[in-house]
Amino acid sequence: MVTRWFDPQDEGETPDYRFSLANERTFLAWIRTALALVAGGLAAAQFLPVLGIAHLREVIAVALLVLGGFVALRAVDHWARAERAMRLRRDLPPSRFPALLSILVAVGALLLVAAVLVQAARA
């Protein structure tokens, strides 16, 4: 699977360049999201004060770093699969990942709200 990421152009015919460029822009948007998550994880590890809940700062940092890495891998996988589909004149591959990422971010935000409220109640 990983080797197919590096050369999705090994089969089929060249699609209209506009579609390939649009696919690349989508990939770059996902990479920016991954970088933002990684930066957020590093910022949480370095700059968040010690929170009232044991190891919460570390959990937040690791969760953001892992999610950022996963988003980067998913970005390249989707880019290669879409490029291959266009070259073979097939339907573009479906992706449930945007919905999954949205749910993960929303759940993470709700957990952080709960942590803030718990910390406020202790103060």
C-alpha atoms as a PDB file:
ATOM      1  CA  MET A   1       0.000   0.000   0.000  1.00  0.00           C
ATOM      2  CA  VAL A   2       2.704   2.503   0.971  1.00  0.00           C
ATOM      3  CA  THR A   3       4.590   2.009  -2.294  1.00  0.00           C
ATOM      4  CA  ARG A   4       1.445   2.993  -4.208  1.00  0.00           C
ATOM      5  CA  TRP A   5       1.522   6.393  -2.461  1.00  0.00           C
ATOM      6  CA  PHE A   6       4.727   7.374  -4.208  1.00  0.00           C
ATOM      7  CA  ASP A   7       3.645   6.679  -7.763  1.00  0.00           C
ATOM      8  CA  PRO A   8      -0.112   6.635  -8.350  1.00  0.00           C
ATOM      9  CA  GLN A   9       0.611   7.469 -11.995  1.00  0.00           C
ATOM     10  CA  ASP A  10       1.844   3.995 -12.876  1.00  0.00           C
ATOM     11  CA  GLU A  11      -1.424   2.968 -14.529  1.00  0.00           C
ATOM     12  CA  GLY A  12      -4.228   4.345 -16.634  1.00  0.00           C
ATOM     13  CA  GLU A  13      -4.165   7.535 -18.647  1.00  0.00           C
ATOM     14  CA  THR A  14      -3.342  11.086 -17.665  1.00  0.00           C
ATOM     15  CA  PRO A  15      -6.464  12.926 -16.471  1.00  0.00           C
ATOM     16  CA  ASP A  16      -7.207  16.555 -17.188  1.00  0.00           C
ATOM     17  CA  TYR A  17      -4.521  18.453 -15.261  1.00  0.00           C
ATOM     18  CA  ARG A  18      -7.157  20.600 -13.538  1.00  0.00           C
ATOM     19  CA  PHE A  19      -8.486  17.531 -11.731  1.00  0.00           C
ATOM     20  CA  SER A  20      -5.015  16.469 -10.647  1.00  0.00           C
ATOM     21  CA  LEU A  21      -4.303  19.983  -9.377  1.00  0.00           C
ATOM     22  CA  ALA A  22      -7.605  20.054  -7.478  1.00  0.00           C
ATOM     23  CA  ASN A  23      -6.712  16.694  -5.925  1.00  0.00           C
ATOM     24  CA  GLU A  24      -3.337  18.120  -4.917  1.00  0.00           C
ATOM     25  CA  ARG A  25      -4.951  21.197  -3.342  1.00  0.00           C
ATOM     26  CA  THR A  26      -7.201  18.932  -1.286  1.00  0.00           C
ATOM     27  CA  PHE A  27      -4.140  16.959  -0.185  1.00  0.00           C
ATOM     28  CA  LEU A  28      -2.382  20.182   0.843  1.00  0.00           C
ATOM     29  CA  ALA A  29      -5.416  21.285   2.853  1.00  0.00           C
ATOM     30  CA  TRP A  30      -5.321  18.007   4.774  1.00  0.00           C
ATOM     31  CA  ILE A  31      -1.575  18.406   5.345  1.00  0.00           C
ATOM     32  CA  ARG A  32      -2.179  21.897   6.764  1.00  0.00           C
ATOM     33  CA  THR A  33      -4.750  20.385   9.113  1.00  0.00           C
ATOM     34  CA  ALA A  34      -2.253  17.708  10.165  1.00  0.00           C
ATOM     35  CA  LEU A  35       0.437  20.319  10.796  1.00  0.00           C
ATOM     36  CA  ALA A  36      -1.983  22.413  12.859  1.00  0.00           C
ATOM     37  CA  LEU A  37      -2.837  19.383  14.999  1.00  0.00           C
ATOM     38  CA  VAL A  38       0.843  18.551  15.502  1.00  0.00           C
ATOM     39  CA  ALA A  39       1.608  22.189  16.372  1.00  0.00           C
ATOM     40  CA  GLY A  40      -1.297  22.175  18.825  1.00  0.00           C
ATOM     41  CA  GLY A  41       0.044  19.000  20.424  1.00  0.00           C
ATOM     42  CA  LEU A  42       3.500  20.488  20.816  1.00  0.00           C
ATOM     43  CA  ALA A  43       2.043  23.718  22.180  1.00  0.00           C
ATOM     44  CA  ALA A  44      -0.054  21.783  24.698  1.00  0.00           C
ATOM     45  CA  ALA A  45       3.005  19.826  25.838  1.00  0.00           C
ATOM     46  CA  GLN A  46       5.168  22.924  26.191  1.00  0.00           C
ATOM     47  CA  PHE A  47       2.876  25.731  27.239  1.00  0.00           C
ATOM     48  CA  LEU A  48      -0.191  24.375  29.040  1.00  0.00           C
ATOM     49  CA  PRO A  49       0.183  24.675  32.785  1.00  0.00           C
ATOM     50  CA  VAL A  50      -0.120  21.565  34.890  1.00  0.00           C
ATOM     51  CA  LEU A  51      -3.846  20.950  35.051  1.00  0.00           C
ATOM     52  CA  GLY A  52      -5.830  19.800  38.072  1.00  0.00           C
ATOM     53  CA  ILE A  53      -6.542  16.418  36.527  1.00  0.00           C
ATOM     54  CA  ALA A  54      -3.527  14.085  36.615  1.00  0.00           C
ATOM     55  CA  HIS A  55      -1.691  13.868  33.279  1.00  0.00           C
ATOM     56  CA  LEU A  56      -4.421  15.747  31.378  1.00  0.00           C
ATOM     57  CA  ARG A  57      -1.858  18.003  29.712  1.00  0.00           C
ATOM     58  CA  GLU A  58       0.058  14.976  28.427  1.00  0.00           C
ATOM     59  CA  VAL A  59      -3.120  13.242  27.245  1.00  0.00           C
ATOM     60  CA  ILE A  60      -4.135  16.345  25.284  1.00  0.00           C
ATOM     61  CA  ALA A  61      -0.681  16.695  23.742  1.00  0.00           C
ATOM     62  CA  VAL A  62      -0.378  13.034  22.751  1.00  0.00           C
ATOM     63  CA  ALA A  63      -3.928  12.915  21.374  1.00  0.00           C
ATOM     64  CA  LEU A  64      -3.278  15.938  19.148  1.00  0.00           C
ATOM     65  CA  LEU A  65       0.080  14.582  17.972  1.00  0.00           C
ATOM     66  CA  VAL A  66      -1.333  11.150  17.140  1.00  0.00           C
ATOM     67  CA  LEU A  67      -4.338  12.660  15.380  1.00  0.00           C
ATOM     68  CA  GLY A  68      -2.040  14.938  13.361  1.00  0.00           C
ATOM     69  CA  GLY A  69       0.072  11.992  12.250  1.00  0.00           C
ATOM     70  CA  PHE A  70      -3.018  10.005  11.336  1.00  0.00           C
ATOM     71  CA  VAL A  71      -4.447  12.909   9.311  1.00  0.00           C
ATOM     72  CA  ALA A  72      -1.166  13.200   7.367  1.00  0.00           C
ATOM     73  CA  LEU A  73      -1.191   9.491   6.513  1.00  0.00           C
ATOM     74  CA  ARG A  74      -4.850   9.608   5.551  1.00  0.00           C
ATOM     75  CA  ALA A  75      -4.202  12.644   3.339  1.00  0.00           C
ATOM     76  CA  VAL A  76      -1.577  10.916   1.233  1.00  0.00           C
ATOM     77  CA  ASP A  77      -3.658   7.745   1.014  1.00  0.00           C
ATOM     78  CA  HIS A  78      -6.715   9.633  -0.227  1.00  0.00           C
ATOM     79  CA  TRP A  79      -4.634  11.662  -2.692  1.00  0.00           C
ATOM     80  CA  ALA A  80      -3.123   8.515  -4.226  1.00  0.00           C
ATOM     81  CA  ARG A  81      -6.459   6.682  -4.386  1.00  0.00           C
ATOM     82  CA  ALA A  82      -8.187   9.674  -6.025  1.00  0.00           C
ATOM     83  CA  GLU A  83      -5.360  10.117  -8.535  1.00  0.00           C
ATOM     84  CA  ARG A  84      -5.484   6.427  -9.434  1.00  0.00           C
ATOM     85  CA  ALA A  85      -9.282   6.512  -9.800  1.00  0.00           C
ATOM     86  CA  MET A  86      -9.088   9.508 -12.156  1.00  0.00           C
ATOM     87  CA  ARG A  87      -6.408   7.809 -14.253  1.00  0.00           C
ATOM     88  CA  LEU A  88      -8.537   4.656 -14.541  1.00  0.00           C
ATOM     89  CA  ARG A  89     -11.749   6.638 -15.194  1.00  0.00           C
ATOM     90  CA  ARG A  90     -13.425   5.194 -12.112  1.00  0.00           C
ATOM     91  CA  ASP A  91     -15.600   6.864  -9.495  1.00  0.00           C
ATOM     92  CA  LEU A  92     -13.621   8.722  -6.885  1.00  0.00           C
ATOM     93  CA  PRO A  93     -13.152   6.715  -3.686  1.00  0.00           C
ATOM     94  CA  PRO A  94     -15.600   7.540  -0.912  1.00  0.00           C
ATOM     95  CA  SER A  95     -14.166   9.071   2.216  1.00  0.00           C
ATOM     96  CA  ARG A  96     -15.738   8.949   5.635  1.00  0.00           C
ATOM     97  CA  PHE A  97     -12.645  10.496   7.170  1.00  0.00           C
ATOM     98  CA  PRO A  98     -13.883  14.117   7.236  1.00  0.00           C
ATOM     99  CA  ALA A  99     -16.905  13.026   9.270  1.00  0.00           C
ATOM    100  CA  LEU A 100     -14.722  10.914  11.581  1.00  0.00           C
ATOM    101  CA  LEU A 101     -12.274  13.770  12.124  1.00  0.00           C
ATOM    102  CA  SER A 102     -15.138  16.164  12.877  1.00  0.00           C
ATOM    103  CA  ILE A 103     -16.570  13.766  15.447  1.00  0.00           C
ATOM    104  CA  LEU A 104     -13.164  13.264  17.090  1.00  0.00           C
ATOM    105  CA  VAL A 105     -12.566  17.008  17.328  1.00  0.00           C
ATOM    106  CA  ALA A 106     -16.068  17.605  18.722  1.00  0.00           C
ATOM    107  CA  VAL A 107     -15.691  14.842  21.323  1.00  0.00           C
ATOM    108  CA  GLY A 108     -12.265  16.196  22.257  1.00  0.00           C
ATOM    109  CA  ALA A 109     -13.720  19.680  22.670  1.00  0.00           C
ATOM    110  CA  LEU A 110     -16.515  18.357  24.889  1.00  0.00           C
ATOM    111  CA  LEU A 111     -14.007  16.487  27.044  1.00  0.00           C
ATOM    112  CA  LEU A 112     -11.938  19.643  27.392  1.00  0.00           C
ATOM    113  CA  VAL A 113     -15.039  21.616  28.406  1.00  0.00           C
ATOM    114  CA  ALA A 114     -15.675  19.000  31.091  1.00  0.00           C
ATOM    115  CA  ALA A 115     -12.048  19.237  32.261  1.00  0.00           C
ATOM    116  CA  VAL A 116     -12.266  23.030  32.467  1.00  0.00           C
ATOM    117  CA  LEU A 117     -15.475  22.816  34.472  1.00  0.00           C
ATOM    118  CA  VAL A 118     -13.962  20.257  36.840  1.00  0.00           C
ATOM    119  CA  GLN A 119     -10.899  22.465  37.307  1.00  0.00           C
ATOM    120  CA  ALA A 120     -13.097  25.517  37.923  1.00  0.00           C
ATOM    121  CA  ALA A 121     -15.127  23.614  40.512  1.00  0.00           C
ATOM    122  CA  ARG A 122     -11.930  22.670  42.382  1.00  0.00           C
ATOM    123  CA  ALA A 123     -10.688  26.259  42.495  1.00  0.00           C
END
